[in-house]
Amino acid sequence: MTKIDTIQTAKKKLKERKRKQKTPIVGDLTPMEDALPTLELLLKQSSEVSASKLRTEKLRPIPKEKNRRKQMMDDISLFHKVVDHPDFQENASFAMKEHLRIKLQTEG
């Protein structure tokens, strides 16, 4: 009886798959549905991830216009100082390499 039942269900699935493949645009989505995880599993994983992110990550708002403008002006003035420096004017690539080497040594 179980063999007959499994054969009949397989035939029904095959017949339904052929019918779904004939439908325009959509086709048969059951293989995709079988491959995707269930909604409960996704909700469980997302809640675990979001809970851990909330504990470790602090939300940072966008800085105010005044602070962004001040930072931009500071960056511009620093850039002008670097460009006007005699070592940079003499050999720019060597000056940048030396700065990076020193910066890595102080951080490491």
PDB file of N, CA and C in Angstrom:
ATOM      1  N   MET A   1       0.819  -1.197   0.000  1.00  0.00           N
ATOM      2  CA  MET A   1       0.000   0.000   0.000  1.00  0.00           C
ATOM      3  C   MET A   1       0.863   1.262   0.000  1.00  0.00           C
ATOM      4  N   THR A   2       1.934   1.237   0.791  1.00  0.00           N
ATOM      5  CA  THR A   2       2.795   2.423   0.839  1.00  0.00           C
ATOM      6  C   THR A   2       3.496   2.653  -0.493  1.00  0.00           C
ATOM      7  N   LYS A   3       3.898   1.559  -1.178  1.00  0.00           N
ATOM      8  CA  LYS A   3       4.545   1.687  -2.477  1.00  0.00           C
ATOM      9  C   LYS A   3       3.583   2.307  -3.485  1.00  0.00           C
ATOM     10  N   ILE A   4       2.340   1.835  -3.454  1.00  0.00           N
ATOM     11  CA  ILE A   4       1.327   2.362  -4.378  1.00  0.00           C
ATOM     12  C   ILE A   4       1.064   3.837  -4.069  1.00  0.00           C
ATOM     13  N   ASP A   5       1.008   4.158  -2.785  1.00  0.00           N
ATOM     14  CA  ASP A   5       0.757   5.530  -2.368  1.00  0.00           C
ATOM     15  C   ASP A   5       1.896   6.460  -2.801  1.00  0.00           C
ATOM     16  N   THR A   6       3.132   6.035  -2.631  1.00  0.00           N
ATOM     17  CA  THR A   6       4.275   6.860  -3.040  1.00  0.00           C
ATOM     18  C   THR A   6       4.323   7.034  -4.552  1.00  0.00           C
ATOM     19  N   ILE A   7       3.973   5.980  -5.288  1.00  0.00           N
ATOM     20  CA  ILE A   7       3.953   6.075  -6.752  1.00  0.00           C
ATOM     21  C   ILE A   7       2.879   7.068  -7.189  1.00  0.00           C
ATOM     22  N   GLN A   8       1.713   7.008  -6.562  1.00  0.00           N
ATOM     23  CA  GLN A   8       0.633   7.922  -6.917  1.00  0.00           C
ATOM     24  C   GLN A   8       0.985   9.373  -6.581  1.00  0.00           C
ATOM     25  N   THR A   9       1.595   9.600  -5.433  1.00  0.00           N
ATOM     26  CA  THR A   9       1.987  10.967  -5.081  1.00  0.00           C
ATOM     27  C   THR A   9       3.072  11.482  -6.031  1.00  0.00           C
ATOM     28  N   ALA A  10       3.995  10.607  -6.436  1.00  0.00           N
ATOM     29  CA  ALA A  10       5.023  11.017  -7.391  1.00  0.00           C
ATOM     30  C   ALA A  10       4.398  11.390  -8.724  1.00  0.00           C
ATOM     31  N   LYS A  11       3.398  10.609  -9.164  1.00  0.00           N
ATOM     32  CA  LYS A  11       2.706  10.912 -10.416  1.00  0.00           C
ATOM     33  C   LYS A  11       1.951  12.246 -10.318  1.00  0.00           C
ATOM     34  N   LYS A  12       1.312  12.474  -9.154  1.00  0.00           N
ATOM     35  CA  LYS A  12       0.582  13.728  -8.962  1.00  0.00           C
ATOM     36  C   LYS A  12       1.534  14.919  -8.992  1.00  0.00           C
ATOM     37  N   LYS A  13       2.680  14.775  -8.339  1.00  0.00           N
ATOM     38  CA  LYS A  13       3.664  15.854  -8.329  1.00  0.00           C
ATOM     39  C   LYS A  13       4.182  16.135  -9.734  1.00  0.00           C
ATOM     40  N   LEU A  14       4.435  15.071 -10.505  1.00  0.00           N
ATOM     41  CA  LEU A  14       4.919  15.230 -11.867  1.00  0.00           C
ATOM     42  C   LEU A  14       3.877  15.931 -12.726  1.00  0.00           C
ATOM     43  N   LYS A  15       2.621  15.515 -12.571  1.00  0.00           N
ATOM     44  CA  LYS A  15       1.540  16.116 -13.332  1.00  0.00           C
ATOM     45  C   LYS A  15       1.373  17.594 -12.960  1.00  0.00           C
ATOM     46  N   GLU A  16       1.456  17.893 -11.661  1.00  0.00           N
ATOM     47  CA  GLU A  16       1.334  19.273 -11.199  1.00  0.00           C
ATOM     48  C   GLU A  16       2.511  20.115 -11.666  1.00  0.00           C
ATOM     49  N   ARG A  17       3.708  19.564 -11.663  1.00  0.00           N
ATOM     50  CA  ARG A  17       4.897  20.276 -12.130  1.00  0.00           C
ATOM     51  C   ARG A  17       4.764  20.628 -13.602  1.00  0.00           C
ATOM     52  N   LYS A  18       4.277  19.680 -14.416  1.00  0.00           N
ATOM     53  CA  LYS A  18       4.087  19.949 -15.840  1.00  0.00           C
ATOM     54  C   LYS A  18       3.038  21.037 -16.051  1.00  0.00           C
ATOM     55  N   ARG A  19       1.966  20.999 -15.247  1.00  0.00           N
ATOM     56  CA  ARG A  19       0.926  22.010 -15.357  1.00  0.00           C
ATOM     57  C   ARG A  19       1.471  23.386 -14.985  1.00  0.00           C
ATOM     58  N   LYS A  20       2.278  23.472 -13.946  1.00  0.00           N
ATOM     59  CA  LYS A  20       2.844  24.745 -13.514  1.00  0.00           C
ATOM     60  C   LYS A  20       3.866  25.289 -14.504  1.00  0.00           C
ATOM     61  N   GLN A  21       4.590  24.401 -15.177  1.00  0.00           N
ATOM     62  CA  GLN A  21       5.576  24.858 -16.152  1.00  0.00           C
ATOM     63  C   GLN A  21       4.907  25.503 -17.359  1.00  0.00           C
ATOM     64  N   LYS A  22       3.668  25.130 -17.620  1.00  0.00           N
ATOM     65  CA  LYS A  22       2.951  25.700 -18.757  1.00  0.00           C
ATOM     66  C   LYS A  22       2.451  27.111 -18.474  1.00  0.00           C
ATOM     67  N   THR A  23       2.333  27.477 -17.202  1.00  0.00           N
ATOM     68  CA  THR A  23       1.818  28.813 -16.891  1.00  0.00           C
ATOM     69  C   THR A  23       2.856  29.853 -17.310  1.00  0.00           C
ATOM     70  N   PRO A  24       2.379  30.951 -17.937  1.00  0.00           N
ATOM     71  CA  PRO A  24       3.316  31.970 -18.406  1.00  0.00           C
ATOM     72  C   PRO A  24       3.957  32.717 -17.243  1.00  0.00           C
ATOM     73  N   ILE A  25       5.161  33.191 -17.452  1.00  0.00           N
ATOM     74  CA  ILE A  25       5.974  33.999 -16.556  1.00  0.00           C
ATOM     75  C   ILE A  25       6.395  33.249 -15.300  1.00  0.00           C
ATOM     76  N   VAL A  26       5.485  32.737 -14.531  1.00  0.00           N
ATOM     77  CA  VAL A  26       5.803  32.161 -13.231  1.00  0.00           C
ATOM     78  C   VAL A  26       6.492  30.809 -13.346  1.00  0.00           C
ATOM     79  N   GLY A  27       5.928  29.879 -14.055  1.00  0.00           N
ATOM     80  CA  GLY A  27       6.501  28.549 -14.146  1.00  0.00           C
ATOM     81  C   GLY A  27       6.340  27.784 -12.853  1.00  0.00           C
ATOM     82  N   ASP A  28       7.212  26.837 -12.631  1.00  0.00           N
ATOM     83  CA  ASP A  28       7.150  26.000 -11.433  1.00  0.00           C
ATOM     84  C   ASP A  28       8.125  26.541 -10.398  1.00  0.00           C
ATOM     85  N   LEU A  29       7.606  27.017  -9.288  1.00  0.00           N
ATOM     86  CA  LEU A  29       8.438  27.594  -8.236  1.00  0.00           C
ATOM     87  C   LEU A  29       8.698  26.637  -7.079  1.00  0.00           C
ATOM     88  N   THR A  30       8.185  25.413  -7.158  1.00  0.00           N
ATOM     89  CA  THR A  30       8.380  24.488  -6.042  1.00  0.00           C
ATOM     90  C   THR A  30       9.846  24.138  -5.811  1.00  0.00           C
ATOM     91  N   PRO A  31      10.699  23.960  -6.826  1.00  0.00           N
ATOM     92  CA  PRO A  31      12.108  23.701  -6.519  1.00  0.00           C
ATOM     93  C   PRO A  31      12.767  24.855  -5.772  1.00  0.00           C
ATOM     94  N   MET A  32      12.391  26.071  -6.144  1.00  0.00           N
ATOM     95  CA  MET A  32      12.932  27.229  -5.443  1.00  0.00           C
ATOM     96  C   MET A  32      12.398  27.286  -4.023  1.00  0.00           C
ATOM     97  N   GLU A  33      11.143  26.967  -3.862  1.00  0.00           N
ATOM     98  CA  GLU A  33      10.529  26.962  -2.543  1.00  0.00           C
ATOM     99  C   GLU A  33      11.190  25.925  -1.642  1.00  0.00           C
ATOM    100  N   ASP A  34      11.509  24.775  -2.212  1.00  0.00           N
ATOM    101  CA  ASP A  34      12.174  23.727  -1.428  1.00  0.00           C
ATOM    102  C   ASP A  34      13.586  24.138  -1.037  1.00  0.00           C
ATOM    103  N   ALA A  35      14.252  24.912  -1.893  1.00  0.00           N
ATOM    104  CA  ALA A  35      15.633  25.299  -1.623  1.00  0.00           C
ATOM    105  C   ALA A  35      15.734  26.411  -0.588  1.00  0.00           C
ATOM    106  N   LEU A  36      14.714  27.265  -0.502  1.00  0.00           N
ATOM    107  CA  LEU A  36      14.753  28.387   0.430  1.00  0.00           C
ATOM    108  C   LEU A  36      14.446  27.923   1.850  1.00  0.00           C
ATOM    109  N   PRO A  37      15.054  28.589   2.841  1.00  0.00           N
ATOM    110  CA  PRO A  37      14.764  28.213   4.228  1.00  0.00           C
ATOM    111  C   PRO A  37      13.365  28.664   4.624  1.00  0.00           C
ATOM    112  N   THR A  38      12.866  28.091   5.686  1.00  0.00           N
ATOM    113  CA  THR A  38      11.524  28.426   6.128  1.00  0.00           C
ATOM    114  C   THR A  38      11.511  29.795   6.802  1.00  0.00           C
ATOM    115  N   LEU A  39      10.328  30.359   6.913  1.00  0.00           N
ATOM    116  CA  LEU A  39      10.178  31.675   7.509  1.00  0.00           C
ATOM    117  C   LEU A  39      10.578  31.666   8.984  1.00  0.00           C
ATOM    118  N   GLU A  40      10.240  30.616   9.688  1.00  0.00           N
ATOM    119  CA  GLU A  40      10.576  30.526  11.114  1.00  0.00           C
ATOM    120  C   GLU A  40      12.085  30.527  11.306  1.00  0.00           C
ATOM    121  N   LEU A  41      12.790  29.794  10.439  1.00  0.00           N
ATOM    122  CA  LEU A  41      14.247  29.736  10.537  1.00  0.00           C
ATOM    123  C   LEU A  41      14.855  31.107  10.265  1.00  0.00           C
ATOM    124  N   LEU A  42      14.345  31.809   9.263  1.00  0.00           N
ATOM    125  CA  LEU A  42      14.852  33.145   8.950  1.00  0.00           C
ATOM    126  C   LEU A  42      14.603  34.125  10.087  1.00  0.00           C
ATOM    127  N   LEU A  43      13.418  34.065  10.671  1.00  0.00           N
ATOM    128  CA  LEU A  43      13.108  34.960  11.777  1.00  0.00           C
ATOM    129  C   LEU A  43      13.987  34.669  12.981  1.00  0.00           C
ATOM    130  N   LYS A  44      14.237  33.424  13.237  1.00  0.00           N
ATOM    131  CA  LYS A  44      15.085  33.047  14.362  1.00  0.00           C
ATOM    132  C   LYS A  44      16.502  33.564  14.150  1.00  0.00           C
ATOM    133  N   GLN A  45      17.051  33.365  12.948  1.00  0.00           N
ATOM    134  CA  GLN A  45      18.411  33.815  12.651  1.00  0.00           C
ATOM    135  C   GLN A  45      18.504  35.336  12.684  1.00  0.00           C
ATOM    136  N   SER A  46      17.517  36.016  12.125  1.00  0.00           N
ATOM    137  CA  SER A  46      17.579  37.477  12.084  1.00  0.00           C
ATOM    138  C   SER A  46      17.464  38.076  13.478  1.00  0.00           C
ATOM    139  N   SER A  47      16.667  37.458  14.335  1.00  0.00           N
ATOM    140  CA  SER A  47      16.537  37.989  15.688  1.00  0.00           C
ATOM    141  C   SER A  47      17.824  37.776  16.473  1.00  0.00           C
ATOM    142  N   GLU A  48      18.507  36.665  16.247  1.00  0.00           N
ATOM    143  CA  GLU A  48      19.782  36.417  16.918  1.00  0.00           C
ATOM    144  C   GLU A  48      20.835  37.407  16.447  1.00  0.00           C
ATOM    145  N   VAL A  49      20.882  37.650  15.143  1.00  0.00           N
ATOM    146  CA  VAL A  49      21.874  38.561  14.583  1.00  0.00           C
ATOM    147  C   VAL A  49      21.595  39.987  15.027  1.00  0.00           C
ATOM    148  N   SER A  50      20.340  40.398  14.976  1.00  0.00           N
ATOM    149  CA  SER A  50      20.004  41.776  15.347  1.00  0.00           C
ATOM    150  C   SER A  50      20.254  42.011  16.834  1.00  0.00           C
ATOM    151  N   ALA A  51      19.986  41.025  17.648  1.00  0.00           N
ATOM    152  CA  ALA A  51      20.224  41.177  19.083  1.00  0.00           C
ATOM    153  C   ALA A  51      21.709  41.326  19.366  1.00  0.00           C
ATOM    154  N   SER A  52      22.543  40.559  18.670  1.00  0.00           N
ATOM    155  CA  SER A  52      23.983  40.673  18.894  1.00  0.00           C
ATOM    156  C   SER A  52      24.516  41.987  18.348  1.00  0.00           C
ATOM    157  N   LYS A  53      23.969  42.480  17.234  1.00  0.00           N
ATOM    158  CA  LYS A  53      24.406  43.758  16.671  1.00  0.00           C
ATOM    159  C   LYS A  53      24.030  44.912  17.598  1.00  0.00           C
ATOM    160  N   LEU A  54      22.858  44.847  18.187  1.00  0.00           N
ATOM    161  CA  LEU A  54      22.434  45.923  19.065  1.00  0.00           C
ATOM    162  C   LEU A  54      23.331  46.033  20.279  1.00  0.00           C
ATOM    163  N   ARG A  55      23.804  44.905  20.746  1.00  0.00           N
ATOM    164  CA  ARG A  55      24.687  44.925  21.914  1.00  0.00           C
ATOM    165  C   ARG A  55      26.058  45.477  21.576  1.00  0.00           C
ATOM    166  N   THR A  56      26.585  45.136  20.395  1.00  0.00           N
ATOM    167  CA  THR A  56      27.957  45.506  20.066  1.00  0.00           C
ATOM    168  C   THR A  56      28.063  46.811  19.300  1.00  0.00           C
ATOM    169  N   GLU A  57      27.090  47.130  18.458  1.00  0.00           N
ATOM    170  CA  GLU A  57      27.180  48.284  17.585  1.00  0.00           C
ATOM    171  C   GLU A  57      26.376  49.437  18.136  1.00  0.00           C
ATOM    172  N   LYS A  58      26.973  50.591  18.118  1.00  0.00           N
ATOM    173  CA  LYS A  58      26.281  51.770  18.572  1.00  0.00           C
ATOM    174  C   LYS A  58      25.900  52.587  17.343  1.00  0.00           C
ATOM    175  N   LEU A  59      24.657  52.982  17.249  1.00  0.00           N
ATOM    176  CA  LEU A  59      24.209  53.761  16.111  1.00  0.00           C
ATOM    177  C   LEU A  59      24.784  55.171  16.192  1.00  0.00           C
ATOM    178  N   ARG A  60      25.376  55.617  15.089  1.00  0.00           N
ATOM    179  CA  ARG A  60      25.957  56.948  15.058  1.00  0.00           C
ATOM    180  C   ARG A  60      25.153  57.803  14.082  1.00  0.00           C
ATOM    181  N   PRO A  61      24.630  58.902  14.560  1.00  0.00           N
ATOM    182  CA  PRO A  61      23.862  59.757  13.661  1.00  0.00           C
ATOM    183  C   PRO A  61      24.793  60.506  12.708  1.00  0.00           C
ATOM    184  N   ILE A  62      24.227  61.048  11.676  1.00  0.00           N
ATOM    185  CA  ILE A  62      24.994  61.850  10.732  1.00  0.00           C
ATOM    186  C   ILE A  62      25.408  63.132  11.449  1.00  0.00           C
ATOM    187  N   PRO A  63      26.690  63.510  11.322  1.00  0.00           N
ATOM    188  CA  PRO A  63      27.125  64.737  12.004  1.00  0.00           C
ATOM    189  C   PRO A  63      26.366  65.959  11.487  1.00  0.00           C
ATOM    190  N   LYS A  64      26.249  66.955  12.324  1.00  0.00           N
ATOM    191  CA  LYS A  64      25.547  68.166  11.942  1.00  0.00           C
ATOM    192  C   LYS A  64      26.335  68.904  10.876  1.00  0.00           C
ATOM    193  N   GLU A  65      25.626  69.753  10.139  1.00  0.00           N
ATOM    194  CA  GLU A  65      26.230  70.498   9.028  1.00  0.00           C
ATOM    195  C   GLU A  65      27.424  71.321   9.499  1.00  0.00           C
ATOM    196  N   LYS A  66      27.326  71.937  10.653  1.00  0.00           N
ATOM    197  CA  LYS A  66      28.411  72.764  11.188  1.00  0.00           C
ATOM    198  C   LYS A  66      29.665  71.923  11.426  1.00  0.00           C
ATOM    199  N   ASN A  67      29.487  70.750  12.016  1.00  0.00           N
ATOM    200  CA  ASN A  67      30.640  69.883  12.285  1.00  0.00           C
ATOM    201  C   ASN A  67      31.247  69.338  11.000  1.00  0.00           C
ATOM    202  N   ARG A  68      30.390  68.983  10.019  1.00  0.00           N
ATOM    203  CA  ARG A  68      30.911  68.483   8.746  1.00  0.00           C
ATOM    204  C   ARG A  68      31.690  69.568   8.023  1.00  0.00           C
ATOM    205  N   ARG A  69      31.180  70.790   8.036  1.00  0.00           N
ATOM    206  CA  ARG A  69      31.858  71.903   7.381  1.00  0.00           C
ATOM    207  C   ARG A  69      33.203  72.179   8.053  1.00  0.00           C
ATOM    208  N   LYS A  70      33.229  72.154   9.397  1.00  0.00           N
ATOM    209  CA  LYS A  70      34.476  72.381  10.137  1.00  0.00           C
ATOM    210  C   LYS A  70      35.499  71.301   9.799  1.00  0.00           C
ATOM    211  N   GLN A  71      35.056  70.048   9.747  1.00  0.00           N
ATOM    212  CA  GLN A  71      35.952  68.948   9.408  1.00  0.00           C
ATOM    213  C   GLN A  71      36.491  69.104   7.989  1.00  0.00           C
ATOM    214  N   MET A  72      35.631  69.519   7.066  1.00  0.00           N
ATOM    215  CA  MET A  72      36.069  69.723   5.691  1.00  0.00           C
ATOM    216  C   MET A  72      37.118  70.836   5.614  1.00  0.00           C
ATOM    217  N   MET A  73      36.905  71.922   6.328  1.00  0.00           N
ATOM    218  CA  MET A  73      37.863  73.031   6.318  1.00  0.00           C
ATOM    219  C   MET A  73      39.192  72.606   6.945  1.00  0.00           C
ATOM    220  N   ASP A  74      39.137  71.821   8.010  1.00  0.00           N
ATOM    221  CA  ASP A  74      40.369  71.305   8.625  1.00  0.00           C
ATOM    222  C   ASP A  74      41.128  70.418   7.647  1.00  0.00           C
ATOM    223  N   ASP A  75      40.401  69.581   6.928  1.00  0.00           N
ATOM    224  CA  ASP A  75      41.034  68.698   5.947  1.00  0.00           C
ATOM    225  C   ASP A  75      41.686  69.493   4.819  1.00  0.00           C
ATOM    226  N   ILE A  76      41.001  70.528   4.373  1.00  0.00           N
ATOM    227  CA  ILE A  76      41.544  71.360   3.295  1.00  0.00           C
ATOM    228  C   ILE A  76      42.814  72.067   3.753  1.00  0.00           C
ATOM    229  N   SER A  77      42.789  72.614   4.967  1.00  0.00           N
ATOM    230  CA  SER A  77      43.982  73.313   5.461  1.00  0.00           C
ATOM    231  C   SER A  77      45.145  72.334   5.641  1.00  0.00           C
ATOM    232  N   LEU A  78      44.866  71.128   6.109  1.00  0.00           N
ATOM    233  CA  LEU A  78      45.912  70.118   6.247  1.00  0.00           C
ATOM    234  C   LEU A  78      46.487  69.747   4.885  1.00  0.00           C
ATOM    235  N   PHE A  79      45.622  69.617   3.881  1.00  0.00           N
ATOM    236  CA  PHE A  79      46.066  69.305   2.528  1.00  0.00           C
ATOM    237  C   PHE A  79      46.995  70.398   2.000  1.00  0.00           C
ATOM    238  N   HIS A  80      46.632  71.665   2.228  1.00  0.00           N
ATOM    239  CA  HIS A  80      47.482  72.768   1.772  1.00  0.00           C
ATOM    240  C   HIS A  80      48.838  72.759   2.484  1.00  0.00           C
ATOM    241  N   LYS A  81      48.841  72.425   3.772  1.00  0.00           N
ATOM    242  CA  LYS A  81      50.102  72.342   4.506  1.00  0.00           C
ATOM    243  C   LYS A  81      50.991  71.245   3.936  1.00  0.00           C
ATOM    244  N   VAL A  82      50.397  70.112   3.606  1.00  0.00           N
ATOM    245  CA  VAL A  82      51.167  68.996   3.046  1.00  0.00           C
ATOM    246  C   VAL A  82      51.731  69.371   1.681  1.00  0.00           C
ATOM    247  N   VAL A  83      50.916  69.984   0.853  1.00  0.00           N
ATOM    248  CA  VAL A  83      51.359  70.355  -0.493  1.00  0.00           C
ATOM    249  C   VAL A  83      52.464  71.407  -0.428  1.00  0.00           C
ATOM    250  N   ASP A  84      52.406  72.318   0.520  1.00  0.00           N
ATOM    251  CA  ASP A  84      53.405  73.377   0.642  1.00  0.00           C
ATOM    252  C   ASP A  84      54.677  72.918   1.346  1.00  0.00           C
ATOM    253  N   HIS A  85      54.674  71.736   1.952  1.00  0.00           N
ATOM    254  CA  HIS A  85      55.853  71.253   2.687  1.00  0.00           C
ATOM    255  C   HIS A  85      57.005  71.003   1.711  1.00  0.00           C
ATOM    256  N   PRO A  86      58.233  71.415   2.073  1.00  0.00           N
ATOM    257  CA  PRO A  86      59.371  71.279   1.146  1.00  0.00           C
ATOM    258  C   PRO A  86      59.716  69.821   0.809  1.00  0.00           C
ATOM    259  N   ASP A  87      59.589  68.910   1.771  1.00  0.00           N
ATOM    260  CA  ASP A  87      59.884  67.498   1.488  1.00  0.00           C
ATOM    261  C   ASP A  87      58.907  66.931   0.464  1.00  0.00           C
ATOM    262  N   PHE A  88      57.645  67.333   0.575  1.00  0.00           N
ATOM    263  CA  PHE A  88      56.637  66.858  -0.358  1.00  0.00           C
ATOM    264  C   PHE A  88      56.887  67.427  -1.748  1.00  0.00           C
ATOM    265  N   GLN A  89      57.278  68.685  -1.818  1.00  0.00           N
ATOM    266  CA  GLN A  89      57.543  69.304  -3.114  1.00  0.00           C
ATOM    267  C   GLN A  89      58.767  68.701  -3.784  1.00  0.00           C
ATOM    268  N   GLU A  90      59.744  68.290  -2.978  1.00  0.00           N
ATOM    269  CA  GLU A  90      60.967  67.696  -3.526  1.00  0.00           C
ATOM    270  C   GLU A  90      60.702  66.313  -4.114  1.00  0.00           C
ATOM    271  N   ASN A  91      60.081  65.439  -3.324  1.00  0.00           N
ATOM    272  CA  ASN A  91      59.799  64.081  -3.784  1.00  0.00           C
ATOM    273  C   ASN A  91      58.510  63.609  -3.092  1.00  0.00           C
ATOM    274  N   ALA A  92      57.395  63.742  -3.783  1.00  0.00           N
ATOM    275  CA  ALA A  92      56.092  63.474  -3.182  1.00  0.00           C
ATOM    276  C   ALA A  92      55.919  62.007  -2.793  1.00  0.00           C
ATOM    277  N   SER A  93      56.288  61.096  -3.681  1.00  0.00           N
ATOM    278  CA  SER A  93      56.076  59.679  -3.376  1.00  0.00           C
ATOM    279  C   SER A  93      56.928  59.223  -2.199  1.00  0.00           C
ATOM    280  N   PHE A  94      58.163  59.693  -2.106  1.00  0.00           N
ATOM    281  CA  PHE A  94      59.021  59.313  -0.977  1.00  0.00           C
ATOM    282  C   PHE A  94      58.450  59.867   0.324  1.00  0.00           C
ATOM    283  N   ALA A  95      57.949  61.095   0.289  1.00  0.00           N
ATOM    284  CA  ALA A  95      57.388  61.698   1.491  1.00  0.00           C
ATOM    285  C   ALA A  95      56.171  60.912   1.976  1.00  0.00           C
ATOM    286  N   MET A  96      55.320  60.484   1.044  1.00  0.00           N
ATOM    287  CA  MET A  96      54.143  59.698   1.438  1.00  0.00           C
ATOM    288  C   MET A  96      54.546  58.336   1.988  1.00  0.00           C
ATOM    289  N   LYS A  97      55.513  57.688   1.339  1.00  0.00           N
ATOM    290  CA  LYS A  97      55.975  56.379   1.825  1.00  0.00           C
ATOM    291  C   LYS A  97      56.579  56.493   3.216  1.00  0.00           C
ATOM    292  N   GLU A  98      57.364  57.528   3.426  1.00  0.00           N
ATOM    293  CA  GLU A  98      57.992  57.721   4.736  1.00  0.00           C
ATOM    294  C   GLU A  98      56.932  57.990   5.801  1.00  0.00           C
ATOM    295  N   HIS A  99      55.964  58.795   5.483  1.00  0.00           N
ATOM    296  CA  HIS A  99      54.883  59.074   6.435  1.00  0.00           C
ATOM    297  C   HIS A  99      54.125  57.796   6.794  1.00  0.00           C
ATOM    298  N   LEU A 100      53.797  56.986   5.789  1.00  0.00           N
ATOM    299  CA  LEU A 100      53.088  55.729   6.045  1.00  0.00           C
ATOM    300  C   LEU A 100      53.934  54.766   6.874  1.00  0.00           C
ATOM    301  N   ARG A 101      55.222  54.715   6.594  1.00  0.00           N
ATOM    302  CA  ARG A 101      56.115  53.828   7.373  1.00  0.00           C
ATOM    303  C   ARG A 101      56.127  54.235   8.837  1.00  0.00           C
ATOM    304  N   ILE A 102      56.259  55.522   9.086  1.00  0.00           N
ATOM    305  CA  ILE A 102      56.284  56.019  10.459  1.00  0.00           C
ATOM    306  C   ILE A 102      54.932  55.786  11.146  1.00  0.00           C
ATOM    307  N   LYS A 103      53.862  56.029  10.408  1.00  0.00           N
ATOM    308  CA  LYS A 103      52.504  55.842  10.970  1.00  0.00           C
ATOM    309  C   LYS A 103      52.271  54.370  11.345  1.00  0.00           C
ATOM    310  N   LEU A 104      52.717  53.455  10.501  1.00  0.00           N
ATOM    311  CA  LEU A 104      52.560  52.021  10.800  1.00  0.00           C
ATOM    312  C   LEU A 104      53.401  51.600  11.992  1.00  0.00           C
ATOM    313  N   GLN A 105      54.571  52.170  12.126  1.00  0.00           N
ATOM    314  CA  GLN A 105      55.432  51.828  13.261  1.00  0.00           C
ATOM    315  C   GLN A 105      54.830  52.315  14.576  1.00  0.00           C
ATOM    316  N   THR A 106      54.233  53.502  14.554  1.00  0.00           N
ATOM    317  CA  THR A 106      53.660  54.022  15.798  1.00  0.00           C
ATOM    318  C   THR A 106      52.386  53.269  16.186  1.00  0.00           C
ATOM    319  N   GLU A 107      51.614  52.811  15.198  1.00  0.00           N
ATOM    320  CA  GLU A 107      50.387  52.066  15.499  1.00  0.00           C
ATOM    321  C   GLU A 107      50.677  50.630  15.881  1.00  0.00           C
ATOM    322  N   GLY A 108      51.686  50.022  15.282  1.00  0.00           N
ATOM    323  CA  GLY A 108      51.982  48.604  15.490  1.00  0.00           C
ATOM    324  C   GLY A 108      52.766  48.347  16.674  1.00  0.00           C
TER     325      GLY A 108
END
